[in-house]
Amino acid sequence: MQVLALADDVTGALEAGAKFAAAGIGAKVAIGTGTHPRCELLVIDTETRHLPADAAARVIEDLPVEGPRIIYKKTDSTLRGNIAAELHSLSRMRPDLPVYFIPAYPQVGRTVADGLLHVHGVPVHQTAFAVDPLNPIRDSSVANVVRGLKCRIFDGASHEDVARAVRESIGGPCILAGPASVAEALAAELGHTRQLSWPPIQSCAIVNGSLHEVSARQVACALKRGCPWDILRIPVPSSVTHAEYASLTGCYVREYLKQRTVDGLMVFGGDTAFGILDALGCRVLEPLGEIVPGVPVSRVPGHSWHLISKAGGFGEEDLILCVKDLLDGK
């Protein structure tokens, strides 16, 4: 395997896999670390986003990282998660590989200047991500996030900047870190552009498990404009953790799918997506590509519906309606 990709949640793993699939690379996403299907390019969802740093590092230490020429660590575009712990672990396991970190994702408003990450021009620690209930961001300095790690950090204001940094980094074997923009640039170097085709999705259930205000506005916009897709309203019991709620949501959706036939399931939030896939026993997914930036469409083997997934903080207010128009098959 030339490239092994790692992501710390389901939405990130599918987003990265979609970038490779769009370049004609046969990518599969393994949900959790226990399944390693044979494929051209494997993306492993390590489910380490919310673990303590030492526990996240131990998960990485159990992965098959010895063979690949390039290890791509997909990071959150707003620096959430155990980025430092996981990169330190990879570097210890593969001390022969230099580490390059390209944190910009200009297509969705994440840029880096003088080592500081901005979201639509605002330092990330001054945005809504500063009050993220699970991973609050207190510092916009990328170097501070990976303090103590020997790595090169690239600035970036455009996709061309990201692509140039990727080309410079992969001249030899390496550990390459960054959001899905890096996966896109890496896929362009390894694969080729192709025409994407989408499954017709006329009936779809929407599950918003994200706590981010962006997703809430997207659901409100869809309701206001009369979107015919079924927006599931899942009751929130008192005194449950976010992980417990994700698991309960998975059980709710499993029962819903026993009673209803749908073409698609649209899920906001990585924890919620994992809860649903876990409840349904789905361990391997096959991304087809991104219908819009940050929103991959994936085939779910053994099921007749397709998964449309998105991290909570991505997208314009009318995203649901835009996706529906592109997928409704009319």
Protein backbone atom coordinates (compact mmCIF):
# COMPACT_ATOMS: atom_id res chain seq x y z
CA MET A 1 0.00 0.00 0.00
CA GLN A 2 1.53 3.29 -1.10
CA VAL A 3 -0.58 5.49 1.20
CA LEU A 4 -2.25 4.81 4.53
CA ALA A 5 -4.68 7.50 5.65
CA LEU A 6 -5.82 8.01 9.25
CA ALA A 7 -8.68 10.18 10.49
CA ASP A 8 -9.99 10.66 14.02
CA ASP A 9 -13.72 10.57 13.22
CA VAL A 10 -16.13 9.18 10.65
CA THR A 11 -16.91 12.40 8.78
CA GLY A 12 -13.21 13.20 8.40
CA ALA A 13 -12.41 9.69 7.20
CA LEU A 14 -15.18 9.76 4.60
CA GLU A 15 -14.20 13.25 3.49
CA ALA A 16 -10.61 12.12 2.90
CA GLY A 17 -11.73 8.92 1.20
CA ALA A 18 -13.99 10.90 -1.12
CA LYS A 19 -11.03 12.99 -2.30
CA PHE A 20 -9.12 9.85 -3.32
CA ALA A 21 -12.19 8.22 -4.89
CA ALA A 22 -12.78 11.33 -7.01
CA ALA A 23 -9.27 10.88 -8.42
CA GLY A 24 -10.00 7.32 -9.50
CA ILE A 25 -8.23 5.71 -6.54
CA GLY A 26 -10.09 2.74 -5.07
CA ALA A 27 -10.47 3.94 -1.48
CA LYS A 28 -12.31 2.24 1.34
CA VAL A 29 -12.99 3.59 4.81
CA ALA A 30 -12.70 1.24 7.79
CA ILE A 31 -14.87 2.33 10.72
CA GLY A 32 -12.76 1.65 13.82
CA THR A 33 -9.33 0.06 13.90
CA GLY A 34 -10.34 -3.61 13.94
CA THR A 35 -11.07 -3.97 10.20
CA HIS A 36 -8.47 -3.56 7.45
CA PRO A 37 -10.08 -4.43 4.08
CA ARG A 38 -7.89 -5.02 1.05
CA CYS A 39 -8.04 -2.04 -1.27
CA GLU A 40 -5.92 0.37 -3.27
CA LEU A 41 -5.99 2.98 -0.51
CA LEU A 42 -7.21 2.47 3.03
CA VAL A 43 -8.58 5.18 5.29
CA ILE A 44 -8.93 4.15 8.94
CA ASP A 45 -11.33 5.99 11.23
CA THR A 46 -9.46 5.70 14.54
CA GLU A 47 -12.26 7.29 16.65
CA THR A 48 -9.67 9.19 18.70
CA ARG A 49 -11.10 12.74 18.46
CA HIS A 50 -12.40 12.84 22.04
CA LEU A 51 -10.02 10.41 23.76
CA PRO A 52 -7.42 11.56 26.28
CA ALA A 53 -4.13 12.27 24.50
CA ASP A 54 -2.31 9.22 25.88
CA ALA A 55 -5.17 6.91 24.90
CA ALA A 56 -5.22 8.37 21.37
CA ALA A 57 -1.48 7.75 21.07
CA ARG A 58 -1.93 4.10 22.11
CA VAL A 59 -4.58 3.60 19.42
CA ILE A 60 -2.15 4.87 16.79
CA GLU A 61 0.58 2.56 18.09
CA ASP A 62 -1.55 -0.47 17.21
CA LEU A 63 -1.98 0.46 13.54
CA PRO A 64 -0.16 -1.08 10.52
CA VAL A 65 2.12 1.87 9.73
CA GLU A 66 5.34 0.04 8.76
CA GLY A 67 4.69 -0.55 5.07
CA PRO A 68 3.24 2.60 3.46
CA ARG A 69 5.48 5.08 1.68
CA ILE A 70 3.24 7.94 2.79
CA ILE A 71 1.24 8.08 6.01
CA TYR A 72 -1.42 10.75 5.71
CA LYS A 73 -2.85 11.95 9.03
CA LYS A 74 -6.09 13.73 8.22
CA THR A 75 -6.55 16.54 10.74
CA ASP A 76 -9.56 18.63 11.64
CA SER A 77 -9.59 21.89 9.69
CA THR A 78 -9.94 23.89 12.93
CA LEU A 79 -7.19 22.04 14.87
CA ARG A 80 -9.53 20.06 17.11
CA GLY A 81 -8.59 16.61 18.37
CA ASN A 82 -5.36 14.93 19.47
CA ILE A 83 -3.23 16.16 16.59
CA ALA A 84 0.02 16.47 18.58
CA ALA A 85 -0.33 13.14 20.41
CA GLU A 86 -1.09 11.23 17.23
CA LEU A 87 1.70 12.82 15.18
CA HIS A 88 4.18 12.24 18.02
CA SER A 89 3.12 8.59 18.09
CA LEU A 90 3.49 8.20 14.31
CA SER A 91 6.90 9.88 14.41
CA ARG A 92 8.09 7.49 17.13
CA MET A 93 6.87 4.51 15.13
CA ARG A 94 8.39 5.75 11.88
CA PRO A 95 11.45 7.82 12.90
CA ASP A 96 12.76 7.42 9.34
CA LEU A 97 10.00 9.70 8.00
CA PRO A 98 9.99 13.52 8.10
CA VAL A 99 6.73 15.16 9.23
CA TYR A 100 5.01 17.88 7.19
CA PHE A 101 1.90 19.73 8.39
CA ILE A 102 -0.22 21.65 5.85
CA PRO A 103 -3.18 22.97 7.91
CA ALA A 104 -4.91 25.24 5.35
CA TYR A 105 -8.21 24.36 3.65
CA PRO A 106 -8.89 27.50 1.59
CA GLN A 107 -11.93 26.06 -0.23
CA VAL A 108 -13.88 26.18 3.03
CA GLY A 109 -12.35 29.36 4.41
CA ARG A 110 -9.49 27.92 6.47
CA THR A 111 -6.25 29.78 5.69
CA VAL A 112 -2.88 29.98 7.44
CA ALA A 113 -0.68 33.10 7.58
CA ASP A 114 2.49 33.38 9.66
CA GLY A 115 1.60 30.08 11.28
CA LEU A 116 -1.84 31.22 12.49
CA LEU A 117 -5.03 29.46 11.37
CA HIS A 118 -7.94 31.68 10.31
CA VAL A 119 -11.56 30.76 9.57
CA HIS A 120 -12.97 33.17 6.98
CA GLY A 121 -10.32 35.68 7.99
CA VAL A 122 -10.86 35.40 11.76
CA PRO A 123 -8.28 33.67 14.02
CA VAL A 124 -9.82 30.31 14.86
CA HIS A 125 -9.64 30.91 18.63
CA GLN A 126 -11.94 33.92 18.14
CA THR A 127 -14.65 31.95 16.29
CA ALA A 128 -17.44 29.62 17.44
CA PHE A 129 -14.83 26.85 17.62
CA ALA A 130 -13.45 28.53 20.75
CA VAL A 131 -16.57 27.40 22.61
CA ASP A 132 -16.87 23.95 21.07
CA PRO A 133 -18.34 21.91 23.94
CA LEU A 134 -16.06 18.93 23.31
CA ASN A 135 -12.88 20.41 21.79
CA PRO A 136 -12.66 24.16 22.46
CA ILE A 137 -9.88 25.89 20.53
CA ARG A 138 -7.87 28.35 22.63
CA ASP A 139 -4.92 29.04 20.33
CA SER A 140 -4.64 29.83 16.61
CA SER A 141 -0.91 29.05 16.47
CA VAL A 142 -0.31 25.80 14.60
CA ALA A 143 3.18 25.50 16.10
CA ASN A 144 1.72 25.63 19.59
CA VAL A 145 -0.69 22.84 18.75
CA VAL A 146 2.20 20.53 17.81
CA ARG A 147 4.73 21.88 20.30
CA GLY A 148 7.70 19.58 20.75
CA LEU A 149 7.25 17.79 17.43
CA LYS A 150 9.93 18.16 14.78
CA CYS A 151 7.92 19.06 11.71
CA ARG A 152 7.64 21.65 8.98
CA ILE A 153 4.47 23.77 8.99
CA PHE A 154 3.27 25.39 5.76
CA ASP A 155 1.27 28.58 5.38
CA GLY A 156 -1.50 28.61 2.77
CA ALA A 157 -4.02 31.09 1.35
CA SER A 158 -5.12 29.19 -1.77
CA HIS A 159 -5.51 25.65 -2.99
CA GLU A 160 -2.48 26.24 -5.19
CA ASP A 161 -0.47 26.89 -2.02
CA VAL A 162 -1.66 23.58 -0.58
CA ALA A 163 -0.93 21.68 -3.80
CA ARG A 164 2.56 23.16 -4.00
CA ALA A 165 3.28 22.19 -0.38
CA VAL A 166 2.08 18.62 -1.00
CA ARG A 167 4.27 18.26 -4.10
CA GLU A 168 7.27 19.52 -2.16
CA SER A 169 6.59 17.16 0.75
CA ILE A 170 6.07 13.89 -1.13
CA GLY A 171 9.38 13.91 -2.98
CA GLY A 172 10.23 11.04 -0.63
CA PRO A 173 8.53 8.90 2.02
CA CYS A 174 6.93 11.05 4.71
CA ILE A 175 4.25 11.62 7.30
CA LEU A 176 1.87 14.18 5.84
CA ALA A 177 -0.72 15.92 8.00
CA GLY A 178 -3.53 18.29 7.17
CA PRO A 179 -7.27 18.58 6.45
CA ALA A 180 -9.08 17.21 3.40
CA SER A 181 -7.49 19.84 1.15
CA VAL A 182 -4.25 17.88 1.57
CA ALA A 183 -6.03 14.65 0.64
CA GLU A 184 -7.33 16.36 -2.50
CA ALA A 185 -3.89 17.60 -3.53
CA LEU A 186 -2.29 14.24 -2.73
CA ALA A 187 -4.98 12.41 -4.71
CA ALA A 188 -4.33 14.70 -7.69
CA GLU A 189 -0.66 13.72 -7.59
CA LEU A 190 -1.38 10.00 -7.36
CA GLY A 191 -4.52 9.64 -9.48
CA HIS A 192 -6.38 11.39 -12.27
CA THR A 193 -9.53 13.46 -12.62
CA ARG A 194 -12.67 11.61 -13.65
CA GLN A 195 -16.32 12.32 -14.22
CA LEU A 196 -18.32 11.58 -11.10
CA SER A 197 -21.81 10.10 -11.24
CA TRP A 198 -24.24 10.20 -8.36
CA PRO A 199 -26.97 7.82 -7.25
CA PRO A 200 -30.46 9.32 -7.55
CA ILE A 201 -31.67 10.19 -4.06
CA GLN A 202 -35.28 11.34 -3.88
CA SER A 203 -36.17 10.15 -0.37
CA CYS A 204 -33.71 10.97 2.38
CA ALA A 205 -33.67 11.18 6.17
CA ILE A 206 -31.61 13.96 7.78
CA VAL A 207 -30.01 13.51 11.21
CA ASN A 208 -28.28 16.51 12.77
CA GLY A 209 -26.23 15.40 15.76
CA SER A 210 -23.82 18.33 15.62
CA LEU A 211 -23.80 20.98 18.33
CA HIS A 212 -22.36 23.56 15.94
CA GLU A 213 -24.49 26.58 15.04
CA VAL A 214 -23.70 26.14 11.33
CA SER A 215 -25.57 22.83 11.19
CA ALA A 216 -28.48 24.25 13.18
CA ARG A 217 -28.84 27.09 10.67
CA GLN A 218 -28.74 24.63 7.77
CA VAL A 219 -31.58 22.58 9.25
CA ALA A 220 -33.59 25.72 10.03
CA CYS A 221 -33.14 26.93 6.45
CA ALA A 222 -34.31 23.59 5.04
CA LEU A 223 -37.41 23.64 7.26
CA LYS A 224 -38.21 27.24 6.38
CA ARG A 225 -37.98 26.59 2.66
CA GLY A 226 -40.07 23.43 2.75
CA CYS A 227 -37.44 20.77 2.04
CA PRO A 228 -39.38 17.50 1.48
CA TRP A 229 -36.64 15.34 2.97
CA ASP A 230 -37.48 13.89 6.38
CA ILE A 231 -35.67 15.76 9.16
CA LEU A 232 -35.61 13.41 12.14
CA ARG A 233 -36.30 14.97 15.52
CA ILE A 234 -34.66 12.66 18.02
CA PRO A 235 -35.53 13.34 21.68
CA VAL A 236 -32.60 14.17 23.96
CA PRO A 237 -32.87 12.44 27.35
CA SER A 238 -31.62 14.44 30.31
CA SER A 239 -28.22 13.70 31.85
CA VAL A 240 -26.65 11.82 28.94
CA THR A 241 -23.18 12.37 27.53
CA HIS A 242 -22.60 13.30 23.90
CA ALA A 243 -21.33 9.77 23.22
CA GLU A 244 -24.40 8.23 24.86
CA TYR A 245 -26.67 10.45 22.81
CA ALA A 246 -24.86 9.39 19.63
CA SER A 247 -25.44 5.75 20.56
CA LEU A 248 -29.13 6.40 21.30
CA THR A 249 -29.43 8.18 17.97
CA GLY A 250 -27.97 5.13 16.26
CA CYS A 251 -30.62 2.91 17.83
CA TYR A 252 -33.37 5.38 16.85
CA VAL A 253 -32.20 5.47 13.23
CA ARG A 254 -31.91 1.67 13.10
CA GLU A 255 -35.56 1.35 14.11
CA TYR A 256 -36.56 4.13 11.70
CA LEU A 257 -34.91 2.28 8.79
CA LYS A 258 -36.81 -0.90 9.67
CA GLN A 259 -40.06 0.98 9.04
CA ARG A 260 -39.11 3.30 6.19
CA THR A 261 -37.37 2.84 2.85
CA VAL A 262 -35.08 5.70 1.89
CA ASP A 263 -32.50 6.33 -0.82
CA GLY A 264 -30.21 8.32 1.45
CA LEU A 265 -29.26 9.12 5.01
CA MET A 266 -27.75 12.57 5.58
CA VAL A 267 -25.84 12.86 8.85
CA PHE A 268 -24.19 15.90 10.43
CA GLY A 269 -21.46 15.25 12.98
CA GLY A 270 -18.79 12.55 13.25
CA ASP A 271 -19.91 11.15 16.61
CA THR A 272 -23.48 10.83 15.37
CA ALA A 273 -22.35 9.15 12.15
CA PHE A 274 -20.32 6.65 14.16
CA GLY A 275 -23.27 5.96 16.49
CA ILE A 276 -25.53 5.23 13.53
CA LEU A 277 -23.04 3.06 11.64
CA ASP A 278 -22.18 1.17 14.82
CA ALA A 279 -25.86 0.47 15.53
CA LEU A 280 -26.28 -0.80 11.96
CA GLY A 281 -23.13 -2.94 12.06
CA CYS A 282 -21.48 -1.05 9.18
CA ARG A 283 -17.70 -1.44 9.33
CA VAL A 284 -16.57 -0.58 5.79
CA LEU A 285 -17.79 2.21 3.50
CA GLU A 286 -16.92 3.10 -0.09
CA PRO A 287 -16.81 6.86 -0.76
CA LEU A 288 -17.88 7.94 -4.25
CA GLY A 289 -16.78 11.59 -4.05
CA GLU A 290 -17.98 14.93 -2.69
CA ILE A 291 -21.29 16.27 -3.92
CA VAL A 292 -20.24 19.72 -2.61
CA PRO A 293 -17.01 20.57 -0.75
CA GLY A 294 -16.93 18.83 2.62
CA VAL A 295 -19.98 16.63 1.90
CA PRO A 296 -19.05 13.13 0.69
CA VAL A 297 -21.50 10.57 -0.66
CA SER A 298 -20.66 6.97 0.21
CA ARG A 299 -21.96 3.53 -0.67
CA VAL A 300 -22.75 1.39 2.36
CA PRO A 301 -22.21 -2.29 1.43
CA GLY A 302 -25.17 -4.43 2.40
CA HIS A 303 -27.62 -1.52 2.38
CA SER A 304 -29.73 0.01 -0.38
CA TRP A 305 -29.28 3.61 0.80
CA HIS A 306 -26.27 5.92 0.47
CA LEU A 307 -24.71 7.95 3.27
CA ILE A 308 -24.29 11.71 2.89
CA SER A 309 -22.09 13.00 5.69
CA LYS A 310 -20.76 16.33 6.90
CA ALA A 311 -18.77 17.70 9.81
CA GLY A 312 -20.80 20.10 11.93
CA GLY A 313 -19.04 23.37 11.13
CA PHE A 314 -18.99 23.11 7.31
CA GLY A 315 -21.15 24.64 4.64
CA GLU A 316 -23.44 27.48 3.65
CA GLU A 317 -26.88 27.97 5.15
CA ASP A 318 -28.68 26.45 2.14
CA LEU A 319 -26.43 23.37 1.98
CA ILE A 320 -29.22 20.81 2.45
CA LEU A 321 -31.26 22.29 -0.39
CA CYS A 322 -28.20 22.46 -2.68
CA VAL A 323 -27.37 18.81 -2.01
CA LYS A 324 -30.99 17.79 -2.61
CA ASP A 325 -31.06 19.58 -5.97
CA LEU A 326 -27.89 17.78 -7.05
CA LEU A 327 -29.00 14.32 -5.92
CA ASP A 328 -32.75 14.16 -6.45
CA GLY A 329 -32.32 12.48 -9.82
CA LYS A 330 -34.60 14.83 -11.73
